[in-house]
ModelCIF file with pLDDT and N, C-alpha, C, O atoms, coordinates in Angstrom:
data_MODEL
#
_entry.id   MODEL 
#
_entity.id                         1 
_entity.type                       polymer 
_entity.pdbx_number_of_molecules   1 
#
_entity_poly.entity_id                      1 
_entity_poly.type                           'polypeptide(L)' 
_entity_poly.nstd_linkage                   no 
_entity_poly.nstd_monomer                   no 
_entity_poly.pdbx_seq_one_letter_code       
;(UNK)(UNK)(UNK)(UNK)(UNK)(UNK)(UNK)(UNK)(UNK)(UNK)(UNK)(UNK)(UNK)(UNK)(UNK)(UNK)
(UNK)(UNK)(UNK)(UNK)(UNK)(UNK)(UNK)(UNK)(UNK)(UNK)(UNK)(UNK)(UNK)(UNK)(UNK)(UNK)
(UNK)(UNK)(UNK)(UNK)(UNK)(UNK)(UNK)(UNK)(UNK)(UNK)(UNK)
;
_entity_poly.pdbx_seq_one_letter_code_can   XXXXXXXXXXXXXXXXXXXXXXXXXXXXXXXXXXXXXXXXXXX 
_entity_poly.pdbx_strand_id                 A 
#
loop_
_entity_poly_seq.entity_id 
_entity_poly_seq.num 
_entity_poly_seq.mon_id 
_entity_poly_seq.hetero 
1 1  UNK n 
1 2  UNK n 
1 3  UNK n 
1 4  UNK n 
1 5  UNK n 
1 6  UNK n 
1 7  UNK n 
1 8  UNK n 
1 9  UNK n 
1 10 UNK n 
1 11 UNK n 
1 12 UNK n 
1 13 UNK n 
1 14 UNK n 
1 15 UNK n 
1 16 UNK n 
1 17 UNK n 
1 18 UNK n 
1 19 UNK n 
1 20 UNK n 
1 21 UNK n 
1 22 UNK n 
1 23 UNK n 
1 24 UNK n 
1 25 UNK n 
1 26 UNK n 
1 27 UNK n 
1 28 UNK n 
1 29 UNK n 
1 30 UNK n 
1 31 UNK n 
1 32 UNK n 
1 33 UNK n 
1 34 UNK n 
1 35 UNK n 
1 36 UNK n 
1 37 UNK n 
1 38 UNK n 
1 39 UNK n 
1 40 UNK n 
1 41 UNK n 
1 42 UNK n 
1 43 UNK n 
#
_struct_asym.id          A 
_struct_asym.entity_id   1 
#
loop_
_ma_qa_metric.id 
_ma_qa_metric.mode 
_ma_qa_metric.name 
_ma_qa_metric.software_group_id 
_ma_qa_metric.type 
1 global pLDDT . pLDDT 
2 local  pLDDT . pLDDT 
#
_ma_qa_metric_global.metric_id      1 
_ma_qa_metric_global.metric_value   96.56 
_ma_qa_metric_global.model_id       1 
_ma_qa_metric_global.ordinal_id     1 
#
loop_
_ma_qa_metric_local.label_asym_id 
_ma_qa_metric_local.label_comp_id 
_ma_qa_metric_local.label_seq_id 
_ma_qa_metric_local.metric_id 
_ma_qa_metric_local.metric_value 
_ma_qa_metric_local.model_id 
_ma_qa_metric_local.ordinal_id 
A UNK 1  2 96.00 1 1  
A UNK 2  2 96.00 1 2  
A UNK 3  2 96.00 1 3  
A UNK 4  2 97.00 1 4  
A UNK 5  2 98.00 1 5  
A UNK 6  2 97.00 1 6  
A UNK 7  2 96.00 1 7  
A UNK 8  2 97.00 1 8  
A UNK 9  2 98.00 1 9  
A UNK 10 2 98.00 1 10 
A UNK 11 2 98.00 1 11 
A UNK 12 2 98.00 1 12 
A UNK 13 2 98.00 1 13 
A UNK 14 2 98.00 1 14 
A UNK 15 2 98.00 1 15 
A UNK 16 2 98.00 1 16 
A UNK 17 2 97.00 1 17 
A UNK 18 2 96.00 1 18 
A UNK 19 2 94.00 1 19 
A UNK 20 2 93.00 1 20 
A UNK 21 2 93.00 1 21 
A UNK 22 2 93.00 1 22 
A UNK 23 2 92.00 1 23 
A UNK 24 2 90.00 1 24 
A UNK 25 2 92.00 1 25 
A UNK 26 2 94.00 1 26 
A UNK 27 2 96.00 1 27 
A UNK 28 2 96.00 1 28 
A UNK 29 2 97.00 1 29 
A UNK 30 2 98.00 1 30 
A UNK 31 2 98.00 1 31 
A UNK 32 2 98.00 1 32 
A UNK 33 2 98.00 1 33 
A UNK 34 2 98.00 1 34 
A UNK 35 2 98.00 1 35 
A UNK 36 2 98.00 1 36 
A UNK 37 2 98.00 1 37 
A UNK 38 2 98.00 1 38 
A UNK 39 2 98.00 1 39 
A UNK 40 2 98.00 1 40 
A UNK 41 2 98.00 1 41 
A UNK 42 2 98.00 1 42 
A UNK 43 2 98.00 1 43 
#
loop_
_atom_site.group_PDB 
_atom_site.id 
_atom_site.type_symbol 
_atom_site.label_atom_id 
_atom_site.label_alt_id 
_atom_site.label_comp_id 
_atom_site.label_asym_id 
_atom_site.label_entity_id 
_atom_site.label_seq_id 
_atom_site.pdbx_PDB_ins_code 
_atom_site.Cartn_x 
_atom_site.Cartn_y 
_atom_site.Cartn_z 
_atom_site.occupancy 
_atom_site.B_iso_or_equiv 
_atom_site.pdbx_formal_charge 
_atom_site.auth_seq_id 
_atom_site.auth_comp_id 
_atom_site.auth_asym_id 
_atom_site.auth_atom_id 
_atom_site.pdbx_PDB_model_num 
ATOM 1   N N  . UNK A 1 1  ? -50.490 286.068 68.629 1.00 96.00 ? 1  UNK A N  1 
ATOM 2   C CA . UNK A 1 1  ? -50.906 287.437 68.892 1.00 96.00 ? 1  UNK A CA 1 
ATOM 3   C C  . UNK A 1 1  ? -49.842 288.259 69.590 1.00 96.00 ? 1  UNK A C  1 
ATOM 4   O O  . UNK A 1 1  ? -48.877 287.732 70.143 1.00 96.00 ? 1  UNK A O  1 
ATOM 5   N N  . UNK A 1 2  ? -50.044 289.546 69.547 1.00 96.00 ? 2  UNK A N  1 
ATOM 6   C CA . UNK A 1 2  ? -49.190 290.527 70.215 1.00 96.00 ? 2  UNK A CA 1 
ATOM 7   C C  . UNK A 1 2  ? -49.924 290.963 71.481 1.00 96.00 ? 2  UNK A C  1 
ATOM 8   O O  . UNK A 1 2  ? -51.019 291.520 71.403 1.00 96.00 ? 2  UNK A O  1 
ATOM 9   N N  . UNK A 1 3  ? -49.333 290.717 72.633 1.00 96.00 ? 3  UNK A N  1 
ATOM 10  C CA . UNK A 1 3  ? -50.019 291.032 73.894 1.00 96.00 ? 3  UNK A CA 1 
ATOM 11  C C  . UNK A 1 3  ? -50.201 292.521 74.137 1.00 96.00 ? 3  UNK A C  1 
ATOM 12  O O  . UNK A 1 3  ? -50.864 292.905 75.101 1.00 96.00 ? 3  UNK A O  1 
ATOM 13  N N  . UNK A 1 4  ? -49.633 293.367 73.292 1.00 97.00 ? 4  UNK A N  1 
ATOM 14  C CA . UNK A 1 4  ? -49.880 294.802 73.423 1.00 97.00 ? 4  UNK A CA 1 
ATOM 15  C C  . UNK A 1 4  ? -51.038 295.257 72.544 1.00 97.00 ? 4  UNK A C  1 
ATOM 16  O O  . UNK A 1 4  ? -51.490 296.397 72.651 1.00 97.00 ? 4  UNK A O  1 
ATOM 17  N N  . UNK A 1 5  ? -51.519 294.370 71.674 1.00 98.00 ? 5  UNK A N  1 
ATOM 18  C CA . UNK A 1 5  ? -52.620 294.724 70.758 1.00 98.00 ? 5  UNK A CA 1 
ATOM 19  C C  . UNK A 1 5  ? -53.398 293.467 70.377 1.00 98.00 ? 5  UNK A C  1 
ATOM 20  O O  . UNK A 1 5  ? -53.323 292.997 69.242 1.00 98.00 ? 5  UNK A O  1 
ATOM 21  N N  . UNK A 1 6  ? -54.134 292.939 71.327 1.00 97.00 ? 6  UNK A N  1 
ATOM 22  C CA . UNK A 1 6  ? -54.917 291.721 71.089 1.00 97.00 ? 6  UNK A CA 1 
ATOM 23  C C  . UNK A 1 6  ? -56.165 292.029 70.273 1.00 97.00 ? 6  UNK A C  1 
ATOM 24  O O  . UNK A 1 6  ? -56.796 293.071 70.451 1.00 97.00 ? 6  UNK A O  1 
ATOM 25  N N  . UNK A 1 7  ? -56.505 291.127 69.394 1.00 96.00 ? 7  UNK A N  1 
ATOM 26  C CA . UNK A 1 7  ? -57.717 291.270 68.588 1.00 96.00 ? 7  UNK A CA 1 
ATOM 27  C C  . UNK A 1 7  ? -58.880 290.623 69.350 1.00 96.00 ? 7  UNK A C  1 
ATOM 28  O O  . UNK A 1 7  ? -59.549 289.722 68.845 1.00 96.00 ? 7  UNK A O  1 
ATOM 29  N N  . UNK A 1 8  ? -59.099 291.103 70.567 1.00 97.00 ? 8  UNK A N  1 
ATOM 30  C CA . UNK A 1 8  ? -60.113 290.576 71.476 1.00 97.00 ? 8  UNK A CA 1 
ATOM 31  C C  . UNK A 1 8  ? -60.951 291.770 71.947 1.00 97.00 ? 8  UNK A C  1 
ATOM 32  O O  . UNK A 1 8  ? -60.395 292.840 72.190 1.00 97.00 ? 8  UNK A O  1 
ATOM 33  N N  . UNK A 1 9  ? -62.248 291.617 72.079 1.00 98.00 ? 9  UNK A N  1 
ATOM 34  C CA . UNK A 1 9  ? -63.082 292.728 72.558 1.00 98.00 ? 9  UNK A CA 1 
ATOM 35  C C  . UNK A 1 9  ? -62.757 293.105 74.013 1.00 98.00 ? 9  UNK A C  1 
ATOM 36  O O  . UNK A 1 9  ? -62.204 292.305 74.767 1.00 98.00 ? 9  UNK A O  1 
ATOM 37  N N  . UNK A 1 10 ? -63.105 294.319 74.379 1.00 98.00 ? 10 UNK A N  1 
ATOM 38  C CA . UNK A 1 10 ? -62.981 294.770 75.771 1.00 98.00 ? 10 UNK A CA 1 
ATOM 39  C C  . UNK A 1 10 ? -63.795 293.861 76.688 1.00 98.00 ? 10 UNK A C  1 
ATOM 40  O O  . UNK A 1 10 ? -64.818 293.304 76.289 1.00 98.00 ? 10 UNK A O  1 
ATOM 41  N N  . UNK A 1 11 ? -63.315 293.723 77.930 1.00 98.00 ? 11 UNK A N  1 
ATOM 42  C CA . UNK A 1 11 ? -64.053 293.004 78.980 1.00 98.00 ? 11 UNK A CA 1 
ATOM 43  C C  . UNK A 1 11 ? -64.480 291.601 78.536 1.00 98.00 ? 11 UNK A C  1 
ATOM 44  O O  . UNK A 1 11 ? -65.632 291.216 78.736 1.00 98.00 ? 11 UNK A O  1 
ATOM 45  N N  . UNK A 1 12 ? -63.584 290.855 77.951 1.00 98.00 ? 12 UNK A N  1 
ATOM 46  C CA . UNK A 1 12 ? -63.912 289.563 77.361 1.00 98.00 ? 12 UNK A CA 1 
ATOM 47  C C  . UNK A 1 12 ? -63.638 288.379 78.294 1.00 98.00 ? 12 UNK A C  1 
ATOM 48  O O  . UNK A 1 12 ? -64.454 287.462 78.392 1.00 98.00 ? 12 UNK A O  1 
ATOM 49  N N  . UNK A 1 13 ? -62.498 288.400 78.971 1.00 98.00 ? 13 UNK A N  1 
ATOM 50  C CA . UNK A 1 13 ? -62.062 287.231 79.751 1.00 98.00 ? 13 UNK A CA 1 
ATOM 51  C C  . UNK A 1 13 ? -62.436 287.337 81.227 1.00 98.00 ? 13 UNK A C  1 
ATOM 52  O O  . UNK A 1 13 ? -62.383 288.412 81.823 1.00 98.00 ? 13 UNK A O  1 
ATOM 53  N N  . UNK A 1 14 ? -62.812 286.200 81.798 1.00 98.00 ? 14 UNK A N  1 
ATOM 54  C CA . UNK A 1 14 ? -63.048 286.095 83.238 1.00 98.00 ? 14 UNK A CA 1 
ATOM 55  C C  . UNK A 1 14 ? -61.732 285.938 83.992 1.00 98.00 ? 14 UNK A C  1 
ATOM 56  O O  . UNK A 1 14 ? -61.560 286.491 85.078 1.00 98.00 ? 14 UNK A O  1 
ATOM 57  N N  . UNK A 1 15 ? -60.815 285.187 83.414 1.00 98.00 ? 15 UNK A N  1 
ATOM 58  C CA . UNK A 1 15 ? -59.504 284.911 84.016 1.00 98.00 ? 15 UNK A CA 1 
ATOM 59  C C  . UNK A 1 15 ? -58.448 284.989 82.925 1.00 98.00 ? 15 UNK A C  1 
ATOM 60  O O  . UNK A 1 15 ? -58.634 284.478 81.820 1.00 98.00 ? 15 UNK A O  1 
ATOM 61  N N  . UNK A 1 16 ? -57.343 285.634 83.253 1.00 98.00 ? 16 UNK A N  1 
ATOM 62  C CA . UNK A 1 16 ? -56.183 285.643 82.366 1.00 98.00 ? 16 UNK A CA 1 
ATOM 63  C C  . UNK A 1 16 ? -55.007 285.126 83.172 1.00 98.00 ? 16 UNK A C  1 
ATOM 64  O O  . UNK A 1 16 ? -54.725 285.610 84.269 1.00 98.00 ? 16 UNK A O  1 
ATOM 65  N N  . UNK A 1 17 ? -54.327 284.138 82.617 1.00 97.00 ? 17 UNK A N  1 
ATOM 66  C CA . UNK A 1 17 ? -53.181 283.508 83.250 1.00 97.00 ? 17 UNK A CA 1 
ATOM 67  C C  . UNK A 1 17 ? -51.966 283.781 82.380 1.00 97.00 ? 17 UNK A C  1 
ATOM 68  O O  . UNK A 1 17 ? -51.922 283.350 81.228 1.00 97.00 ? 17 UNK A O  1 
ATOM 69  N N  . UNK A 1 18 ? -50.977 284.495 82.917 1.00 96.00 ? 18 UNK A N  1 
ATOM 70  C CA . UNK A 1 18 ? -49.785 284.879 82.170 1.00 96.00 ? 18 UNK A CA 1 
ATOM 71  C C  . UNK A 1 18 ? -48.580 284.254 82.871 1.00 96.00 ? 18 UNK A C  1 
ATOM 72  O O  . UNK A 1 18 ? -48.318 284.533 84.041 1.00 96.00 ? 18 UNK A O  1 
ATOM 73  N N  . UNK A 1 19 ? -47.860 283.417 82.153 1.00 94.00 ? 19 UNK A N  1 
ATOM 74  C CA . UNK A 1 19 ? -46.745 282.693 82.769 1.00 94.00 ? 19 UNK A CA 1 
ATOM 75  C C  . UNK A 1 19 ? -45.460 282.916 81.978 1.00 94.00 ? 19 UNK A C  1 
ATOM 76  O O  . UNK A 1 19 ? -45.387 282.615 80.787 1.00 94.00 ? 19 UNK A O  1 
ATOM 77  N N  . UNK A 1 20 ? -44.448 283.448 82.663 1.00 93.00 ? 20 UNK A N  1 
ATOM 78  C CA . UNK A 1 20 ? -43.110 283.666 82.099 1.00 93.00 ? 20 UNK A CA 1 
ATOM 79  C C  . UNK A 1 20 ? -43.155 284.510 80.826 1.00 93.00 ? 20 UNK A C  1 
ATOM 80  O O  . UNK A 1 20 ? -42.503 284.195 79.830 1.00 93.00 ? 20 UNK A O  1 
ATOM 81  N N  . UNK A 1 21 ? -43.930 285.580 80.878 1.00 93.00 ? 21 UNK A N  1 
ATOM 82  C CA . UNK A 1 21 ? -44.072 286.475 79.727 1.00 93.00 ? 21 UNK A CA 1 
ATOM 83  C C  . UNK A 1 21 ? -43.429 287.825 80.013 1.00 93.00 ? 21 UNK A C  1 
ATOM 84  O O  . UNK A 1 21 ? -42.619 288.307 79.221 1.00 93.00 ? 21 UNK A O  1 
ATOM 85  N N  . UNK A 1 22 ? -43.777 288.430 81.121 1.00 93.00 ? 22 UNK A N  1 
ATOM 86  C CA . UNK A 1 22 ? -43.333 289.800 81.403 1.00 93.00 ? 22 UNK A CA 1 
ATOM 87  C C  . UNK A 1 22 ? -41.825 289.910 81.520 1.00 93.00 ? 22 UNK A C  1 
ATOM 88  O O  . UNK A 1 22 ? -41.263 290.964 81.222 1.00 93.00 ? 22 UNK A O  1 
ATOM 89  N N  . UNK A 1 23 ? -41.156 288.852 81.947 1.00 92.00 ? 23 UNK A N  1 
ATOM 90  C CA . UNK A 1 23 ? -39.700 288.886 82.084 1.00 92.00 ? 23 UNK A CA 1 
ATOM 91  C C  . UNK A 1 23 ? -39.001 289.086 80.742 1.00 92.00 ? 23 UNK A C  1 
ATOM 92  O O  . UNK A 1 23 ? -37.830 289.464 80.710 1.00 92.00 ? 23 UNK A O  1 
ATOM 93  N N  . UNK A 1 24 ? -39.692 288.841 79.648 1.00 90.00 ? 24 UNK A N  1 
ATOM 94  C CA . UNK A 1 24 ? -39.112 289.000 78.311 1.00 90.00 ? 24 UNK A CA 1 
ATOM 95  C C  . UNK A 1 24 ? -39.401 290.370 77.700 1.00 90.00 ? 24 UNK A C  1 
ATOM 96  O O  . UNK A 1 24 ? -39.029 290.635 76.557 1.00 90.00 ? 24 UNK A O  1 
ATOM 97  N N  . UNK A 1 25 ? -40.052 291.224 78.452 1.00 92.00 ? 25 UNK A N  1 
ATOM 98  C CA . UNK A 1 25 ? -40.420 292.551 77.947 1.00 92.00 ? 25 UNK A CA 1 
ATOM 99  C C  . UNK A 1 25 ? -39.579 293.626 78.629 1.00 92.00 ? 25 UNK A C  1 
ATOM 100 O O  . UNK A 1 25 ? -39.388 293.600 79.845 1.00 92.00 ? 25 UNK A O  1 
ATOM 101 N N  . UNK A 1 26 ? -39.087 294.556 77.846 1.00 94.00 ? 26 UNK A N  1 
ATOM 102 C CA . UNK A 1 26 ? -38.354 295.688 78.427 1.00 94.00 ? 26 UNK A CA 1 
ATOM 103 C C  . UNK A 1 26 ? -39.261 296.569 79.271 1.00 94.00 ? 26 UNK A C  1 
ATOM 104 O O  . UNK A 1 26 ? -38.863 297.095 80.310 1.00 94.00 ? 26 UNK A O  1 
ATOM 105 N N  . UNK A 1 27 ? -40.495 296.715 78.794 1.00 96.00 ? 27 UNK A N  1 
ATOM 106 C CA . UNK A 1 27 ? -41.483 297.530 79.504 1.00 96.00 ? 27 UNK A CA 1 
ATOM 107 C C  . UNK A 1 27 ? -42.808 296.776 79.509 1.00 96.00 ? 27 UNK A C  1 
ATOM 108 O O  . UNK A 1 27 ? -43.510 296.768 78.498 1.00 96.00 ? 27 UNK A O  1 
ATOM 109 N N  . UNK A 1 28 ? -43.164 296.142 80.623 1.00 96.00 ? 28 UNK A N  1 
ATOM 110 C CA . UNK A 1 28 ? -44.393 295.347 80.655 1.00 96.00 ? 28 UNK A CA 1 
ATOM 111 C C  . UNK A 1 28 ? -45.680 296.169 80.723 1.00 96.00 ? 28 UNK A C  1 
ATOM 112 O O  . UNK A 1 28 ? -46.768 295.609 80.591 1.00 96.00 ? 28 UNK A O  1 
ATOM 113 N N  . UNK A 1 29 ? -45.583 297.472 80.925 1.00 97.00 ? 29 UNK A N  1 
ATOM 114 C CA . UNK A 1 29 ? -46.791 298.285 81.089 1.00 97.00 ? 29 UNK A CA 1 
ATOM 115 C C  . UNK A 1 29 ? -47.758 298.211 79.919 1.00 97.00 ? 29 UNK A C  1 
ATOM 116 O O  . UNK A 1 29 ? -48.960 298.101 80.159 1.00 97.00 ? 29 UNK A O  1 
ATOM 117 N N  . UNK A 1 30 ? -47.307 298.263 78.652 1.00 98.00 ? 30 UNK A N  1 
ATOM 118 C CA . UNK A 1 30 ? -48.278 298.121 77.552 1.00 98.00 ? 30 UNK A CA 1 
ATOM 119 C C  . UNK A 1 30 ? -48.987 296.765 77.560 1.00 98.00 ? 30 UNK A C  1 
ATOM 120 O O  . UNK A 1 30 ? -50.169 296.680 77.225 1.00 98.00 ? 30 UNK A O  1 
ATOM 121 N N  . UNK A 1 31 ? -48.280 295.724 77.936 1.00 98.00 ? 31 UNK A N  1 
ATOM 122 C CA . UNK A 1 31 ? -48.905 294.401 78.027 1.00 98.00 ? 31 UNK A CA 1 
ATOM 123 C C  . UNK A 1 31 ? -49.951 294.401 79.126 1.00 98.00 ? 31 UNK A C  1 
ATOM 124 O O  . UNK A 1 31 ? -51.066 293.921 78.924 1.00 98.00 ? 31 UNK A O  1 
ATOM 125 N N  . UNK A 1 32 ? -49.602 294.933 80.281 1.00 98.00 ? 32 UNK A N  1 
ATOM 126 C CA . UNK A 1 32 ? -50.541 294.961 81.402 1.00 98.00 ? 32 UNK A CA 1 
ATOM 127 C C  . UNK A 1 32 ? -51.774 295.803 81.092 1.00 98.00 ? 32 UNK A C  1 
ATOM 128 O O  . UNK A 1 32 ? -52.883 295.447 81.490 1.00 98.00 ? 32 UNK A O  1 
ATOM 129 N N  . UNK A 1 33 ? -51.588 296.918 80.384 1.00 98.00 ? 33 UNK A N  1 
ATOM 130 C CA . UNK A 1 33 ? -52.742 297.743 79.983 1.00 98.00 ? 33 UNK A CA 1 
ATOM 131 C C  . UNK A 1 33 ? -53.675 296.959 79.070 1.00 98.00 ? 33 UNK A C  1 
ATOM 132 O O  . UNK A 1 33 ? -54.896 297.019 79.216 1.00 98.00 ? 33 UNK A O  1 
ATOM 133 N N  . UNK A 1 34 ? -53.087 296.221 78.124 1.00 98.00 ? 34 UNK A N  1 
ATOM 134 C CA . UNK A 1 34 ? -53.906 295.451 77.186 1.00 98.00 ? 34 UNK A CA 1 
ATOM 135 C C  . UNK A 1 34 ? -54.623 294.312 77.898 1.00 98.00 ? 34 UNK A C  1 
ATOM 136 O O  . UNK A 1 34 ? -55.790 294.041 77.615 1.00 98.00 ? 34 UNK A O  1 
ATOM 137 N N  . UNK A 1 35 ? -53.942 293.648 78.811 1.00 98.00 ? 35 UNK A N  1 
ATOM 138 C CA . UNK A 1 35 ? -54.596 292.574 79.571 1.00 98.00 ? 35 UNK A CA 1 
ATOM 139 C C  . UNK A 1 35 ? -55.741 293.127 80.402 1.00 98.00 ? 35 UNK A C  1 
ATOM 140 O O  . UNK A 1 35 ? -56.795 292.500 80.514 1.00 98.00 ? 35 UNK A O  1 
ATOM 141 N N  . UNK A 1 36 ? -55.536 294.283 80.977 1.00 98.00 ? 36 UNK A N  1 
ATOM 142 C CA . UNK A 1 36 ? -56.609 294.926 81.757 1.00 98.00 ? 36 UNK A CA 1 
ATOM 143 C C  . UNK A 1 36 ? -57.807 295.247 80.868 1.00 98.00 ? 36 UNK A C  1 
ATOM 144 O O  . UNK A 1 36 ? -58.954 295.104 81.290 1.00 98.00 ? 36 UNK A O  1 
ATOM 145 N N  . UNK A 1 37 ? -57.542 295.678 79.645 1.00 98.00 ? 37 UNK A N  1 
ATOM 146 C CA . UNK A 1 37 ? -58.612 296.024 78.707 1.00 98.00 ? 37 UNK A CA 1 
ATOM 147 C C  . UNK A 1 37 ? -59.485 294.818 78.389 1.00 98.00 ? 37 UNK A C  1 
ATOM 148 O O  . UNK A 1 37 ? -60.710 294.931 78.343 1.00 98.00 ? 37 UNK A O  1 
ATOM 149 N N  . UNK A 1 38 ? -58.857 293.660 78.168 1.00 98.00 ? 38 UNK A N  1 
ATOM 150 C CA . UNK A 1 38 ? -59.628 292.485 77.753 1.00 98.00 ? 38 UNK A CA 1 
ATOM 151 C C  . UNK A 1 38 ? -60.167 291.676 78.940 1.00 98.00 ? 38 UNK A C  1 
ATOM 152 O O  . UNK A 1 38 ? -60.920 290.722 78.744 1.00 98.00 ? 38 UNK A O  1 
ATOM 153 N N  . UNK A 1 39 ? -59.790 292.046 80.158 1.00 98.00 ? 39 UNK A N  1 
ATOM 154 C CA . UNK A 1 39 ? -60.266 291.362 81.355 1.00 98.00 ? 39 UNK A CA 1 
ATOM 155 C C  . UNK A 1 39 ? -61.557 292.014 81.842 1.00 98.00 ? 39 UNK A C  1 
ATOM 156 O O  . UNK A 1 39 ? -61.658 293.240 81.901 1.00 98.00 ? 39 UNK A O  1 
ATOM 157 N N  . UNK A 1 40 ? -62.532 291.194 82.186 1.00 98.00 ? 40 UNK A N  1 
ATOM 158 C CA . UNK A 1 40 ? -63.786 291.718 82.733 1.00 98.00 ? 40 UNK A CA 1 
ATOM 159 C C  . UNK A 1 40 ? -63.511 292.474 84.034 1.00 98.00 ? 40 UNK A C  1 
ATOM 160 O O  . UNK A 1 40 ? -62.542 292.162 84.726 1.00 98.00 ? 40 UNK A O  1 
ATOM 161 N N  . UNK A 1 41 ? -64.339 293.459 84.380 1.00 98.00 ? 41 UNK A N  1 
ATOM 162 C CA . UNK A 1 41 ? -64.103 294.266 85.584 1.00 98.00 ? 41 UNK A CA 1 
ATOM 163 C C  . UNK A 1 41 ? -63.899 293.455 86.868 1.00 98.00 ? 41 UNK A C  1 
ATOM 164 O O  . UNK A 1 41 ? -63.097 293.842 87.718 1.00 98.00 ? 41 UNK A O  1 
ATOM 165 N N  . UNK A 1 42 ? -64.604 292.357 87.015 1.00 98.00 ? 42 UNK A N  1 
ATOM 166 C CA . UNK A 1 42 ? -64.444 291.525 88.211 1.00 98.00 ? 42 UNK A CA 1 
ATOM 167 C C  . UNK A 1 42 ? -63.568 290.305 87.940 1.00 98.00 ? 42 UNK A C  1 
ATOM 168 O O  . UNK A 1 42 ? -63.551 289.362 88.731 1.00 98.00 ? 42 UNK A O  1 
ATOM 169 N N  . UNK A 1 43 ? -62.839 290.323 86.822 1.00 98.00 ? 43 UNK A N  1 
ATOM 170 C CA . UNK A 1 43 ? -62.006 289.198 86.433 1.00 98.00 ? 43 UNK A CA 1 
ATOM 171 C C  . UNK A 1 43 ? -60.740 289.090 87.265 1.00 98.00 ? 43 UNK A C  1 
ATOM 172 O O  . UNK A 1 43 ? -59.935 288.184 87.049 1.00 98.00 ? 43 UNK A O  1 
#
């Protein structure tokens, strides 16, 4: 998958663990926005 456009519904995950990913991105903001979208509000 592409972390800027996951085929996952909104508010899906309780926990998201990202390891050694953002360092490979020129601009991590789109990734972080997408992770926020798929993370539950209290996740």
